[in-house]
């Protein structure tokens, strides 16, 4: 096989792998695996703004942590900025994440990490929550909606949502 195309076996077992697409509507030069977050948006369970907030949340995790494992073991240290500037930015991002997650609560945060950050399957998330996959999809959509509200106001002082 040549190029970056997925194997036939991977295509058979993937929930959604999108081929490269370059046309008037899209400019995607490579193959792309559609995430659970993308599936929530495609199904109309979340809005574009909610999807964008979740992507920014996931990106904040990626900026802070080099490992994508459950314990986020490795802090990222590479980068062009001065090490002190990088550490200040890292601490600021950790503070924002902590503030947002405190406003959301434990269950919503766990669902967001499982779906948005880790992209676990619905079956795996359902097993963790001891609920059926449709229930965790619904709960995750609600968590993404709450995240969008908290993310939009992430620079404000700590206060509970609706307060």
N, C-alpha and C. Protein backbone atom coordinates (compact mmCIF):
# COMPACT_ATOMS: atom_id res chain seq x y z
N UNK A 1 0.84 -1.17 0.00
CA UNK A 1 0.00 0.00 0.00
C UNK A 1 0.89 1.24 0.00
N UNK A 2 0.49 2.22 -0.75
CA UNK A 2 1.24 3.46 -0.80
C UNK A 2 0.38 4.59 -0.26
N UNK A 3 1.02 5.67 0.11
CA UNK A 3 0.29 6.82 0.61
C UNK A 3 -0.12 6.66 2.06
N UNK A 4 -1.02 7.55 2.49
CA UNK A 4 -1.45 7.53 3.88
C UNK A 4 -2.84 6.93 4.06
N UNK A 5 -3.35 6.25 3.06
CA UNK A 5 -4.69 5.66 3.14
C UNK A 5 -4.73 4.56 4.19
N UNK A 6 -5.85 4.46 4.93
CA UNK A 6 -5.99 3.39 5.90
C UNK A 6 -6.07 2.03 5.22
N UNK A 7 -5.70 0.99 5.93
CA UNK A 7 -5.79 -0.36 5.37
C UNK A 7 -7.25 -0.75 5.19
N UNK A 8 -7.47 -1.76 4.36
CA UNK A 8 -8.84 -2.23 4.13
C UNK A 8 -9.46 -2.71 5.44
N UNK A 9 -8.65 -3.37 6.29
CA UNK A 9 -9.15 -3.85 7.58
C UNK A 9 -9.57 -2.68 8.46
N UNK A 10 -8.78 -1.63 8.50
CA UNK A 10 -9.12 -0.45 9.31
C UNK A 10 -10.40 0.21 8.80
N UNK A 11 -10.55 0.30 7.50
CA UNK A 11 -11.77 0.88 6.93
C UNK A 11 -13.00 0.06 7.29
N UNK A 12 -12.86 -1.25 7.33
CA UNK A 12 -13.97 -2.13 7.65
C UNK A 12 -14.44 -1.96 9.08
N UNK A 13 -13.52 -1.67 10.00
CA UNK A 13 -13.85 -1.62 11.42
C UNK A 13 -13.98 -0.21 11.98
N UNK A 14 -13.79 0.78 11.17
CA UNK A 14 -13.87 2.16 11.65
C UNK A 14 -15.32 2.63 11.66
N UNK A 15 -15.67 3.42 12.68
CA UNK A 15 -17.00 4.01 12.72
C UNK A 15 -17.17 4.99 11.58
N UNK A 16 -16.17 5.81 11.36
CA UNK A 16 -16.25 6.78 10.27
C UNK A 16 -14.85 7.28 9.94
N UNK A 17 -14.37 6.89 8.79
CA UNK A 17 -13.11 7.44 8.29
C UNK A 17 -13.46 8.21 7.03
N UNK A 18 -13.08 9.47 7.03
CA UNK A 18 -13.41 10.33 5.90
C UNK A 18 -12.20 10.44 4.98
N UNK A 19 -12.45 10.26 3.70
CA UNK A 19 -11.40 10.35 2.69
C UNK A 19 -10.99 11.81 2.50
N UNK A 20 -9.82 12.03 1.95
CA UNK A 20 -9.43 13.40 1.63
C UNK A 20 -10.48 14.04 0.73
N UNK A 21 -10.68 15.35 0.90
CA UNK A 21 -11.68 16.04 0.11
C UNK A 21 -11.19 17.47 -0.15
N UNK A 22 -11.04 17.77 -1.41
CA UNK A 22 -10.66 19.11 -1.82
C UNK A 22 -11.65 19.55 -2.88
N UNK A 23 -12.54 20.47 -2.51
CA UNK A 23 -13.53 20.98 -3.44
C UNK A 23 -13.96 22.37 -2.96
N UNK A 24 -15.04 22.86 -3.50
CA UNK A 24 -15.49 24.21 -3.14
C UNK A 24 -15.90 24.32 -1.68
N UNK A 25 -16.31 23.19 -1.05
CA UNK A 25 -16.80 23.22 0.33
C UNK A 25 -15.73 22.83 1.34
N UNK A 26 -14.73 22.04 0.96
CA UNK A 26 -13.75 21.51 1.92
C UNK A 26 -12.34 21.54 1.36
N UNK A 27 -11.39 21.62 2.28
CA UNK A 27 -9.98 21.49 1.92
C UNK A 27 -9.32 20.62 2.96
N UNK A 28 -9.49 19.30 2.80
CA UNK A 28 -8.92 18.31 3.72
C UNK A 28 -8.04 17.39 2.90
N UNK A 29 -6.73 17.55 3.01
CA UNK A 29 -5.80 16.82 2.17
C UNK A 29 -5.49 15.41 2.66
N UNK A 30 -5.84 15.09 3.88
CA UNK A 30 -5.51 13.77 4.42
C UNK A 30 -6.73 13.02 4.90
N UNK A 31 -6.55 11.75 5.18
CA UNK A 31 -7.61 10.92 5.75
C UNK A 31 -7.89 11.39 7.17
N UNK A 32 -9.14 11.28 7.61
CA UNK A 32 -9.52 11.78 8.93
C UNK A 32 -10.49 10.82 9.59
N UNK A 33 -10.20 10.47 10.84
CA UNK A 33 -11.12 9.65 11.62
C UNK A 33 -12.10 10.58 12.30
N UNK A 34 -13.39 10.33 12.10
CA UNK A 34 -14.41 11.15 12.74
C UNK A 34 -14.54 10.72 14.20
N UNK A 35 -14.43 11.68 15.11
CA UNK A 35 -14.46 11.40 16.55
C UNK A 35 -15.90 11.31 17.04
N UNK A 36 -16.07 10.87 18.29
CA UNK A 36 -17.40 10.85 18.90
C UNK A 36 -17.97 12.27 18.96
N UNK A 37 -17.11 13.25 19.25
CA UNK A 37 -17.55 14.64 19.28
C UNK A 37 -18.08 15.05 17.90
N UNK A 38 -17.36 14.69 16.84
CA UNK A 38 -17.84 14.98 15.49
C UNK A 38 -19.18 14.32 15.22
N UNK A 39 -19.35 13.10 15.72
CA UNK A 39 -20.60 12.37 15.51
C UNK A 39 -21.76 13.07 16.23
N UNK A 40 -21.52 13.61 17.43
CA UNK A 40 -22.56 14.35 18.13
C UNK A 40 -23.00 15.57 17.32
N UNK A 41 -22.03 16.26 16.73
CA UNK A 41 -22.33 17.43 15.92
C UNK A 41 -23.08 17.02 14.64
N UNK A 42 -22.59 15.99 13.97
CA UNK A 42 -23.23 15.53 12.72
C UNK A 42 -24.67 15.08 12.95
N UNK A 43 -24.93 14.51 14.14
CA UNK A 43 -26.28 14.03 14.47
C UNK A 43 -27.19 15.16 14.95
N UNK A 44 -26.66 16.38 15.09
CA UNK A 44 -27.47 17.51 15.53
C UNK A 44 -27.69 17.54 17.04
N UNK A 45 -26.91 16.77 17.79
CA UNK A 45 -27.07 16.75 19.25
C UNK A 45 -26.40 17.95 19.91
N UNK A 46 -25.41 18.54 19.22
CA UNK A 46 -24.74 19.74 19.72
C UNK A 46 -24.63 20.72 18.55
N UNK A 47 -24.49 22.00 18.89
CA UNK A 47 -24.37 23.04 17.86
C UNK A 47 -22.90 23.21 17.45
N UNK A 48 -22.70 23.99 16.42
CA UNK A 48 -21.34 24.30 15.99
C UNK A 48 -20.54 25.02 17.06
N UNK A 49 -21.18 25.94 17.76
CA UNK A 49 -20.50 26.67 18.84
C UNK A 49 -20.12 25.72 19.98
N UNK A 50 -21.00 24.78 20.30
CA UNK A 50 -20.71 23.81 21.36
C UNK A 50 -19.57 22.89 20.92
N UNK A 51 -19.59 22.47 19.65
CA UNK A 51 -18.51 21.64 19.11
C UNK A 51 -17.19 22.40 19.21
N UNK A 52 -17.19 23.69 18.83
CA UNK A 52 -15.97 24.50 18.86
C UNK A 52 -15.43 24.63 20.29
N UNK A 53 -16.30 24.85 21.26
CA UNK A 53 -15.86 24.95 22.66
C UNK A 53 -15.21 23.64 23.09
N UNK A 54 -15.80 22.51 22.70
CA UNK A 54 -15.24 21.21 23.07
C UNK A 54 -13.88 20.98 22.40
N UNK A 55 -13.73 21.41 21.16
CA UNK A 55 -12.44 21.29 20.46
C UNK A 55 -11.39 22.14 21.18
N UNK A 56 -11.75 23.35 21.59
CA UNK A 56 -10.82 24.20 22.33
C UNK A 56 -10.44 23.58 23.67
N UNK A 57 -11.41 22.95 24.33
CA UNK A 57 -11.16 22.25 25.60
C UNK A 57 -10.16 21.11 25.36
N UNK A 58 -10.40 20.31 24.31
CA UNK A 58 -9.49 19.21 23.98
C UNK A 58 -8.10 19.75 23.66
N UNK A 59 -8.03 20.84 22.91
CA UNK A 59 -6.75 21.44 22.56
C UNK A 59 -6.01 21.96 23.79
N UNK A 60 -6.74 22.46 24.77
CA UNK A 60 -6.11 22.92 26.01
C UNK A 60 -5.43 21.74 26.71
N UNK A 61 -6.11 20.59 26.76
CA UNK A 61 -5.48 19.39 27.32
C UNK A 61 -4.24 19.02 26.54
N UNK A 62 -4.31 19.08 25.22
CA UNK A 62 -3.17 18.70 24.38
C UNK A 62 -1.99 19.64 24.60
N UNK A 63 -2.26 20.93 24.83
CA UNK A 63 -1.17 21.88 25.07
C UNK A 63 -0.47 21.62 26.39
N UNK A 64 -1.20 21.15 27.36
CA UNK A 64 -0.65 20.98 28.70
C UNK A 64 0.01 19.61 28.88
N UNK A 65 -0.57 18.58 28.32
CA UNK A 65 -0.11 17.23 28.56
C UNK A 65 0.39 16.57 27.29
N UNK A 66 1.56 15.98 27.36
CA UNK A 66 2.09 15.29 26.18
C UNK A 66 1.51 13.90 26.05
N UNK A 67 1.23 13.22 27.17
CA UNK A 67 0.65 11.89 27.13
C UNK A 67 -0.85 11.99 26.97
N UNK A 68 -1.46 11.02 26.29
CA UNK A 68 -2.91 11.00 26.14
C UNK A 68 -3.52 9.85 26.92
N UNK A 69 -2.74 9.30 27.85
CA UNK A 69 -3.25 8.21 28.67
C UNK A 69 -4.18 8.72 29.74
N UNK A 70 -4.80 7.78 30.46
CA UNK A 70 -5.77 8.14 31.47
C UNK A 70 -5.21 8.99 32.59
N UNK A 71 -3.90 8.87 32.87
CA UNK A 71 -3.35 9.65 33.98
C UNK A 71 -2.62 10.91 33.51
N UNK A 72 -2.56 11.16 32.20
CA UNK A 72 -1.89 12.33 31.65
C UNK A 72 -0.52 12.53 32.30
N UNK A 73 0.30 11.49 32.19
CA UNK A 73 1.53 11.42 32.95
C UNK A 73 2.61 12.43 32.55
N UNK A 74 2.72 12.79 31.29
CA UNK A 74 3.88 13.59 30.89
C UNK A 74 3.56 15.03 30.59
N UNK A 75 4.24 15.94 31.26
CA UNK A 75 4.07 17.36 30.97
C UNK A 75 4.91 17.71 29.74
N UNK A 76 4.35 18.48 28.85
CA UNK A 76 5.05 18.88 27.63
C UNK A 76 6.07 19.95 27.98
N UNK A 77 7.29 19.80 27.46
CA UNK A 77 8.32 20.80 27.74
C UNK A 77 8.91 21.40 26.46
N UNK A 78 8.59 20.84 25.30
CA UNK A 78 9.14 21.36 24.05
C UNK A 78 8.41 22.63 23.65
N UNK A 79 9.08 23.43 22.85
CA UNK A 79 8.44 24.63 22.34
C UNK A 79 9.45 25.72 22.09
N UNK A 80 9.06 26.73 21.34
CA UNK A 80 9.99 27.79 20.97
C UNK A 80 10.12 28.88 22.01
N UNK A 81 9.14 29.03 22.87
CA UNK A 81 9.18 30.11 23.86
C UNK A 81 10.15 29.79 24.99
N UNK A 82 10.54 30.81 25.70
CA UNK A 82 11.38 30.67 26.88
C UNK A 82 10.71 29.71 27.86
N UNK A 83 11.48 28.89 28.55
CA UNK A 83 10.92 27.89 29.46
C UNK A 83 10.03 28.54 30.52
N UNK A 84 10.37 29.73 30.98
CA UNK A 84 9.55 30.41 31.99
C UNK A 84 8.20 30.82 31.40
N UNK A 85 8.22 31.32 30.18
CA UNK A 85 6.97 31.68 29.51
C UNK A 85 6.11 30.45 29.27
N UNK A 86 6.73 29.34 28.90
CA UNK A 86 5.97 28.10 28.68
C UNK A 86 5.33 27.63 29.98
N UNK A 87 6.07 27.70 31.08
CA UNK A 87 5.52 27.27 32.36
C UNK A 87 4.38 28.17 32.81
N UNK A 88 4.52 29.47 32.61
CA UNK A 88 3.45 30.40 32.96
C UNK A 88 2.20 30.09 32.12
N UNK A 89 2.39 29.86 30.83
CA UNK A 89 1.26 29.52 29.95
C UNK A 89 0.64 28.19 30.37
N UNK A 90 1.46 27.23 30.74
CA UNK A 90 0.96 25.92 31.18
C UNK A 90 0.12 26.06 32.45
N UNK A 91 0.61 26.83 33.40
CA UNK A 91 -0.12 27.05 34.66
C UNK A 91 -1.42 27.80 34.39
N UNK A 92 -1.39 28.77 33.50
CA UNK A 92 -2.61 29.51 33.16
C UNK A 92 -3.64 28.57 32.53
N UNK A 93 -3.20 27.68 31.65
CA UNK A 93 -4.12 26.74 31.02
C UNK A 93 -4.66 25.76 32.04
N UNK A 94 -3.81 25.26 32.93
CA UNK A 94 -4.28 24.36 34.00
C UNK A 94 -5.30 25.05 34.89
N UNK A 95 -5.10 26.34 35.18
CA UNK A 95 -6.03 27.10 36.00
C UNK A 95 -7.38 27.23 35.31
N UNK A 96 -7.36 27.51 34.02
CA UNK A 96 -8.62 27.62 33.26
C UNK A 96 -9.34 26.27 33.27
N UNK A 97 -8.61 25.20 33.00
CA UNK A 97 -9.24 23.87 33.00
C UNK A 97 -9.84 23.55 34.36
N UNK A 98 -9.10 23.84 35.42
CA UNK A 98 -9.60 23.56 36.77
C UNK A 98 -10.85 24.38 37.08
N UNK A 99 -10.85 25.65 36.68
CA UNK A 99 -12.00 26.53 36.93
C UNK A 99 -13.23 26.03 36.18
N UNK A 100 -13.05 25.70 34.91
CA UNK A 100 -14.17 25.22 34.10
C UNK A 100 -14.69 23.89 34.65
N UNK A 101 -13.79 22.97 34.97
CA UNK A 101 -14.21 21.66 35.46
C UNK A 101 -14.87 21.74 36.83
N UNK A 102 -14.46 22.68 37.66
CA UNK A 102 -15.12 22.87 38.96
C UNK A 102 -16.56 23.34 38.76
N UNK A 103 -16.77 24.18 37.78
CA UNK A 103 -18.13 24.66 37.48
C UNK A 103 -19.00 23.55 36.90
N UNK A 104 -18.40 22.62 36.15
CA UNK A 104 -19.17 21.57 35.50
C UNK A 104 -19.53 20.42 36.44
N UNK A 105 -18.65 20.11 37.37
CA UNK A 105 -18.88 18.98 38.26
C UNK A 105 -18.19 17.72 37.76
N UNK A 106 -18.15 16.74 38.64
CA UNK A 106 -17.40 15.52 38.39
C UNK A 106 -17.91 14.68 37.23
N UNK A 107 -19.22 14.43 37.16
CA UNK A 107 -19.76 13.57 36.11
C UNK A 107 -19.57 14.19 34.74
N UNK A 108 -19.92 15.47 34.59
CA UNK A 108 -19.76 16.13 33.29
C UNK A 108 -18.30 16.15 32.87
N UNK A 109 -17.39 16.44 33.81
CA UNK A 109 -15.97 16.45 33.49
C UNK A 109 -15.51 15.06 33.05
N UNK A 110 -15.93 14.02 33.77
CA UNK A 110 -15.54 12.66 33.40
C UNK A 110 -16.04 12.30 32.00
N UNK A 111 -17.28 12.67 31.69
CA UNK A 111 -17.83 12.40 30.36
C UNK A 111 -17.06 13.16 29.28
N UNK A 112 -16.72 14.41 29.55
CA UNK A 112 -15.98 15.21 28.58
C UNK A 112 -14.59 14.65 28.34
N UNK A 113 -13.92 14.24 29.38
CA UNK A 113 -12.58 13.67 29.20
C UNK A 113 -12.68 12.36 28.43
N UNK A 114 -13.65 11.52 28.78
CA UNK A 114 -13.80 10.23 28.10
C UNK A 114 -14.15 10.41 26.62
N UNK A 115 -15.03 11.34 26.32
CA UNK A 115 -15.50 11.52 24.93
C UNK A 115 -14.62 12.49 24.15
N UNK A 116 -14.42 13.68 24.67
CA UNK A 116 -13.77 14.75 23.92
C UNK A 116 -12.25 14.60 23.90
N UNK A 117 -11.67 14.30 25.06
CA UNK A 117 -10.20 14.22 25.15
C UNK A 117 -9.71 12.84 24.72
N UNK A 118 -10.29 11.80 25.29
CA UNK A 118 -9.81 10.43 25.02
C UNK A 118 -10.48 9.78 23.81
N UNK A 119 -11.66 10.22 23.42
CA UNK A 119 -12.44 9.65 22.32
C UNK A 119 -12.70 8.16 22.53
N UNK A 120 -13.07 7.80 23.77
CA UNK A 120 -13.45 6.41 24.06
C UNK A 120 -14.72 6.07 23.29
N UNK A 121 -14.92 4.80 23.02
CA UNK A 121 -16.15 4.35 22.36
C UNK A 121 -17.33 4.56 23.32
N UNK A 122 -18.53 4.68 22.73
CA UNK A 122 -19.73 4.83 23.57
C UNK A 122 -19.90 3.61 24.46
N UNK A 123 -19.57 2.44 23.95
CA UNK A 123 -19.69 1.22 24.75
C UNK A 123 -18.77 1.28 25.97
N UNK A 124 -17.55 1.78 25.78
CA UNK A 124 -16.61 1.87 26.91
C UNK A 124 -17.09 2.90 27.93
N UNK A 125 -17.56 4.05 27.45
CA UNK A 125 -18.07 5.07 28.37
C UNK A 125 -19.28 4.54 29.12
N UNK A 126 -20.15 3.83 28.41
CA UNK A 126 -21.35 3.24 29.03
C UNK A 126 -20.96 2.24 30.11
N UNK A 127 -19.94 1.44 29.85
CA UNK A 127 -19.49 0.45 30.84
C UNK A 127 -18.93 1.16 32.08
N UNK A 128 -18.20 2.24 31.88
CA UNK A 128 -17.64 3.00 33.00
C UNK A 128 -18.77 3.58 33.85
N UNK A 129 -19.79 4.14 33.18
CA UNK A 129 -20.91 4.78 33.88
C UNK A 129 -21.99 3.80 34.30
N UNK A 130 -21.89 2.56 33.85
CA UNK A 130 -22.90 1.53 34.10
C UNK A 130 -24.27 1.98 33.62
N UNK A 131 -24.29 2.52 32.41
CA UNK A 131 -25.51 2.94 31.73
C UNK A 131 -25.44 2.43 30.30
N UNK A 132 -26.53 2.59 29.55
CA UNK A 132 -26.47 2.14 28.16
C UNK A 132 -25.84 3.24 27.30
N UNK A 133 -25.33 2.87 26.12
CA UNK A 133 -24.63 3.84 25.27
C UNK A 133 -25.49 5.05 24.88
N UNK A 134 -26.78 4.86 24.66
CA UNK A 134 -27.63 6.00 24.29
C UNK A 134 -27.74 6.99 25.44
N UNK A 135 -27.81 6.48 26.66
CA UNK A 135 -27.86 7.37 27.83
C UNK A 135 -26.58 8.20 27.93
N UNK A 136 -25.42 7.56 27.76
CA UNK A 136 -24.18 8.33 27.88
C UNK A 136 -24.02 9.31 26.71
N UNK A 137 -24.54 8.98 25.54
CA UNK A 137 -24.53 9.96 24.43
C UNK A 137 -25.33 11.20 24.83
N UNK A 138 -26.53 10.97 25.38
CA UNK A 138 -27.37 12.10 25.80
C UNK A 138 -26.69 12.90 26.90
N UNK A 139 -26.15 12.22 27.91
CA UNK A 139 -25.47 12.91 29.00
C UNK A 139 -24.26 13.68 28.49
N UNK A 140 -23.53 13.10 27.54
CA UNK A 140 -22.34 13.77 27.01
C UNK A 140 -22.75 15.01 26.22
N UNK A 141 -23.82 14.93 25.45
CA UNK A 141 -24.30 16.11 24.73
C UNK A 141 -24.66 17.22 25.72
N UNK A 142 -25.30 16.86 26.83
CA UNK A 142 -25.62 17.86 27.86
C UNK A 142 -24.34 18.43 28.48
N UNK A 143 -23.35 17.57 28.70
CA UNK A 143 -22.07 18.03 29.27
C UNK A 143 -21.36 18.98 28.30
N UNK A 144 -21.42 18.70 27.00
CA UNK A 144 -20.81 19.59 26.01
C UNK A 144 -21.53 20.94 26.00
N UNK A 145 -22.85 20.93 26.13
CA UNK A 145 -23.61 22.20 26.20
C UNK A 145 -23.17 23.02 27.41
N UNK A 146 -23.06 22.36 28.56
CA UNK A 146 -22.61 23.05 29.78
C UNK A 146 -21.17 23.54 29.62
N UNK A 147 -20.34 22.74 28.97
CA UNK A 147 -18.96 23.14 28.72
C UNK A 147 -18.92 24.42 27.88
N UNK A 148 -19.74 24.47 26.85
CA UNK A 148 -19.75 25.66 25.98
C UNK A 148 -20.06 26.92 26.78
N UNK A 149 -21.02 26.82 27.70
CA UNK A 149 -21.35 27.97 28.54
C UNK A 149 -20.19 28.32 29.46
N UNK A 150 -19.61 27.31 30.10
CA UNK A 150 -18.50 27.56 31.02
C UNK A 150 -17.26 28.03 30.27
N UNK A 151 -17.02 27.48 29.09
CA UNK A 151 -15.84 27.85 28.31
C UNK A 151 -15.94 29.30 27.84
N UNK A 152 -17.13 29.73 27.49
CA UNK A 152 -17.33 31.11 27.02
C UNK A 152 -17.04 32.11 28.13
N UNK A 153 -17.22 31.71 29.38
CA UNK A 153 -17.01 32.62 30.51
C UNK A 153 -15.82 32.18 31.36
N UNK A 154 -14.88 31.47 30.77
CA UNK A 154 -13.77 30.86 31.53
C UNK A 154 -12.85 31.87 32.19
N UNK A 155 -12.84 33.11 31.75
CA UNK A 155 -11.95 34.10 32.35
C UNK A 155 -12.57 34.78 33.57
N UNK A 156 -13.87 34.55 33.79
CA UNK A 156 -14.52 35.18 34.94
C UNK A 156 -14.09 34.49 36.23
N UNK A 157 -14.37 35.14 37.34
CA UNK A 157 -14.07 34.57 38.65
C UNK A 157 -14.89 33.30 38.85
N UNK A 158 -14.41 32.42 39.68
CA UNK A 158 -15.13 31.17 39.97
C UNK A 158 -16.52 31.49 40.50
N UNK A 159 -17.50 30.92 39.84
CA UNK A 159 -18.87 31.03 40.31
C UNK A 159 -19.63 29.85 39.72
N UNK A 160 -20.61 29.34 40.42
CA UNK A 160 -21.37 28.21 39.87
C UNK A 160 -22.20 28.65 38.67
N UNK A 161 -22.43 27.72 37.73
CA UNK A 161 -23.27 28.03 36.59
C UNK A 161 -24.66 28.39 37.07
N UNK A 162 -25.27 29.39 36.44
CA UNK A 162 -26.61 29.81 36.82
C UNK A 162 -26.64 30.67 38.07
N UNK A 163 -25.46 30.99 38.62
CA UNK A 163 -25.43 31.74 39.88
C UNK A 163 -25.06 33.16 39.73
